[in-house]
């Protein structure tokens, strides 16, 4: 991840997705390590091969999956990574693949929601605030609301419950993803 991803913000996104994937693995009785790896590595090639053309066979994530396959990564993780890009044409046939797609864009929306809070903390975010921001098309416009909705549907979960579940997972990784919040000044009020 560090070799291919110099951007701290993308690394934090990958860590947020890892946290959400580990949480869903635990919920479904799956292997949190394996699911966590899928979340952690899913965008490792994005900065080198961003794929603005949305080619299903070139650049992100196709390039990364070819590289990971060459070095022996498990096929179920590779299929999940391919499936997280709607333009790849790869069906999300496993629960791992559906979960990765369902949490990927949502973690970005949750992060953006946290960053506009005075505390910049995921601890001050709830499903209601994320839903409100989701309706504002100008807010975090790089986040595909359609992918969030489709992912929720494919995973077979309620949208509000899904949002809160991912928020809770991200809270557990708040320090690593840079969303633990700003320290309160001596007077007890949050820093502004």
Protein backbone atom coordinates (compact mmCIF):
# COMPACT_ATOMS: atom_id res chain seq x y z
CA UNK A 1 0.00 0.00 0.00
CA UNK A 2 2.71 2.49 0.95
CA UNK A 3 4.84 1.63 -2.07
CA UNK A 4 2.06 2.53 -4.51
CA UNK A 5 0.06 5.09 -2.51
CA UNK A 6 1.93 8.24 -1.47
CA UNK A 7 -1.24 10.24 -0.73
CA UNK A 8 -2.11 10.29 2.94
CA UNK A 9 -5.77 10.96 2.16
CA UNK A 10 -6.05 7.88 -0.06
CA UNK A 11 -4.27 5.78 2.56
CA UNK A 12 -6.78 6.97 5.15
CA UNK A 13 -9.62 6.07 2.79
CA UNK A 14 -8.18 2.58 2.37
CA UNK A 15 -7.89 2.22 6.16
CA UNK A 16 -11.51 3.34 6.56
CA UNK A 17 -12.66 0.76 4.02
CA UNK A 18 -10.55 -1.86 5.81
CA UNK A 19 -12.27 -1.03 9.12
CA UNK A 20 -15.73 -1.32 7.55
CA UNK A 21 -14.82 -4.59 5.84
CA UNK A 22 -13.48 -6.09 9.07
CA UNK A 23 -16.69 -5.11 10.83
CA UNK A 24 -18.89 -6.68 8.15
CA UNK A 25 -16.76 -9.83 8.15
CA UNK A 26 -17.32 -10.17 11.88
CA UNK A 27 -21.06 -9.58 11.45
CA UNK A 28 -21.32 -12.28 8.78
CA UNK A 29 -19.03 -14.81 10.47
CA UNK A 30 -16.32 -14.39 7.83
CA UNK A 31 -12.56 -13.92 8.17
CA UNK A 32 -11.87 -10.29 9.24
CA UNK A 33 -8.23 -10.54 8.15
CA UNK A 34 -9.10 -11.61 4.62
CA UNK A 35 -11.95 -9.09 4.25
CA UNK A 36 -9.80 -6.40 5.85
CA UNK A 37 -7.06 -7.04 3.29
CA UNK A 38 -9.56 -6.61 0.45
CA UNK A 39 -10.58 -3.25 1.90
CA UNK A 40 -7.05 -2.12 2.64
CA UNK A 41 -5.61 -2.91 -0.79
CA UNK A 42 -8.59 -2.18 -3.07
CA UNK A 43 -7.29 1.22 -4.27
CA UNK A 44 -3.53 0.66 -4.01
CA UNK A 45 -3.03 1.26 -7.77
CA UNK A 46 -5.39 4.25 -8.05
CA UNK A 47 -2.80 7.03 -7.91
CA UNK A 48 -0.48 5.46 -10.48
CA UNK A 49 -3.28 4.27 -12.78
CA UNK A 50 -6.34 6.47 -12.06
CA UNK A 51 -8.44 5.34 -15.05
CA UNK A 52 -10.32 8.52 -15.95
CA UNK A 53 -11.64 6.70 -19.04
CA UNK A 54 -13.16 3.95 -16.85
CA UNK A 55 -11.59 1.21 -18.94
CA UNK A 56 -12.55 -2.24 -17.67
CA UNK A 57 -9.20 -3.71 -18.70
CA UNK A 58 -6.62 -0.94 -18.27
CA UNK A 59 -5.49 1.05 -15.25
CA UNK A 60 -7.34 0.93 -11.88
CA UNK A 61 -8.40 -1.64 -10.71
CA UNK A 62 -7.49 -3.99 -13.57
CA UNK A 63 -3.79 -3.14 -13.43
CA UNK A 64 -3.67 -3.68 -9.67
CA UNK A 65 -5.50 -6.99 -9.86
CA UNK A 66 -3.09 -8.27 -12.52
CA UNK A 67 -0.16 -7.26 -10.31
CA UNK A 68 -1.67 -8.87 -7.20
CA UNK A 69 -2.49 -12.05 -9.15
CA UNK A 70 1.14 -12.28 -10.31
CA UNK A 71 2.35 -12.21 -6.71
CA UNK A 72 -0.17 -14.81 -5.54
CA UNK A 73 -3.09 -12.97 -3.97
CA UNK A 74 -6.29 -15.03 -3.47
CA UNK A 75 -8.83 -14.93 -6.25
CA UNK A 76 -11.80 -14.04 -4.02
CA UNK A 77 -10.05 -10.83 -2.94
CA UNK A 78 -9.13 -10.04 -6.55
CA UNK A 79 -12.72 -10.50 -7.73
CA UNK A 80 -13.95 -8.23 -4.93
CA UNK A 81 -11.44 -5.56 -5.95
CA UNK A 82 -12.51 -5.77 -9.59
CA UNK A 83 -16.17 -5.63 -8.59
CA UNK A 84 -15.77 -2.47 -6.51
CA UNK A 85 -15.42 -0.52 -9.77
CA UNK A 86 -18.84 -0.55 -11.41
CA UNK A 87 -17.23 0.03 -14.82
CA UNK A 88 -15.15 -3.17 -14.58
CA UNK A 89 -18.08 -5.28 -15.69
CA UNK A 90 -17.22 -7.86 -13.03
CA UNK A 91 -20.26 -9.11 -11.13
CA UNK A 92 -20.20 -8.89 -7.36
CA UNK A 93 -21.00 -12.56 -6.71
CA UNK A 94 -19.67 -12.97 -3.17
CA UNK A 95 -20.71 -11.28 0.03
CA UNK A 96 -17.15 -9.92 0.32
CA UNK A 97 -17.43 -8.29 -3.11
CA UNK A 98 -20.86 -6.83 -2.31
CA UNK A 99 -19.62 -5.49 1.02
CA UNK A 100 -16.57 -3.84 -0.56
CA UNK A 101 -18.75 -2.09 -3.12
CA UNK A 102 -21.25 -1.09 -0.42
CA UNK A 103 -18.70 0.51 1.91
CA UNK A 104 -16.26 2.09 -0.55
CA UNK A 105 -18.12 5.25 -1.57
CA UNK A 106 -19.94 5.45 1.75
CA UNK A 107 -16.71 5.78 3.72
CA UNK A 108 -15.86 8.80 1.56
CA UNK A 109 -19.21 10.41 2.31
CA UNK A 110 -18.83 9.74 6.03
CA UNK A 111 -15.31 11.16 6.00
CA UNK A 112 -16.47 14.32 4.22
CA UNK A 113 -19.32 14.69 6.70
CA UNK A 114 -16.91 14.38 9.63
CA UNK A 115 -14.49 16.90 8.15
CA UNK A 116 -17.12 19.65 8.01
CA UNK A 117 -17.98 19.16 11.69
CA UNK A 118 -16.32 21.70 14.00
CA UNK A 119 -14.51 18.84 15.75
CA UNK A 120 -13.57 17.03 12.51
CA UNK A 121 -14.50 13.82 14.32
CA UNK A 122 -16.32 10.73 13.11
CA UNK A 123 -17.58 10.49 16.69
CA UNK A 124 -19.83 13.49 15.94
CA UNK A 125 -21.35 11.92 12.82
CA UNK A 126 -24.55 9.89 12.73
CA UNK A 127 -26.65 8.32 9.98
CA UNK A 128 -29.04 11.28 9.94
CA UNK A 129 -26.25 13.80 9.26
CA UNK A 130 -24.80 11.61 6.51
CA UNK A 131 -28.23 11.19 4.88
CA UNK A 132 -28.69 14.98 4.95
CA UNK A 133 -25.30 15.53 3.28
CA UNK A 134 -26.08 12.76 0.80
CA UNK A 135 -29.05 14.77 -0.50
CA UNK A 136 -26.81 17.81 -1.16
CA UNK A 137 -25.40 17.06 -4.63
CA UNK A 138 -22.80 19.83 -4.28
CA UNK A 139 -21.38 18.23 -1.13
CA UNK A 140 -18.61 15.66 -1.72
CA UNK A 141 -19.64 15.57 -5.35
CA UNK A 142 -16.99 12.97 -6.15
CA UNK A 143 -18.95 10.42 -4.11
CA UNK A 144 -21.39 8.42 -6.20
CA UNK A 145 -24.72 8.42 -4.40
CA UNK A 146 -25.95 5.86 -6.94
CA UNK A 147 -23.14 3.48 -5.91
CA UNK A 148 -23.97 3.98 -2.22
CA UNK A 149 -27.62 3.12 -2.88
CA UNK A 150 -26.85 0.20 -5.20
CA UNK A 151 -24.28 -1.20 -2.79
CA UNK A 152 -26.76 -1.05 0.07
CA UNK A 153 -29.37 -2.80 -2.05
CA UNK A 154 -26.94 -5.51 -3.23
CA UNK A 155 -25.77 -6.15 0.33
CA UNK A 156 -29.41 -6.45 1.39
CA UNK A 157 -29.28 -4.02 4.29
CA UNK A 158 -31.29 -0.99 5.36
CA UNK A 159 -29.62 2.26 4.28
CA UNK A 160 -29.73 4.00 7.67
CA UNK A 161 -28.54 0.88 9.48
CA UNK A 162 -25.74 0.44 6.92
CA UNK A 163 -24.60 4.04 7.27
CA UNK A 164 -24.55 3.77 11.07
CA UNK A 165 -22.74 0.41 10.93
CA UNK A 166 -19.99 1.89 8.76
CA UNK A 167 -19.76 4.99 10.97
CA UNK A 168 -19.33 2.74 14.01
CA UNK A 169 -16.61 0.75 12.23
CA UNK A 170 -14.82 3.96 11.28
CA UNK A 171 -15.04 5.18 14.89
CA UNK A 172 -12.97 2.16 15.88
CA UNK A 173 -10.25 3.33 13.47
CA UNK A 174 -10.74 7.07 14.06
CA UNK A 175 -7.12 7.77 15.02
CA UNK A 176 -5.66 5.89 12.02
CA UNK A 177 -8.03 7.55 9.54
CA UNK A 178 -7.49 11.04 10.94
CA UNK A 179 -11.02 11.49 12.24
CA UNK A 180 -10.52 11.27 15.99
CA UNK A 181 -11.24 14.99 16.21
CA UNK A 182 -9.46 18.12 17.16
CA UNK A 183 -8.41 18.51 20.78
CA UNK A 184 -10.62 20.79 22.83
CA UNK A 185 -8.95 23.96 24.10
CA UNK A 186 -8.58 24.53 27.84
CA UNK A 187 -12.08 26.05 28.12
CA UNK A 188 -13.71 22.77 27.09
CA UNK A 189 -15.21 24.08 23.85
CA UNK A 190 -14.22 22.29 20.64
CA UNK A 191 -11.54 24.02 18.57
CA UNK A 192 -13.02 25.93 15.65
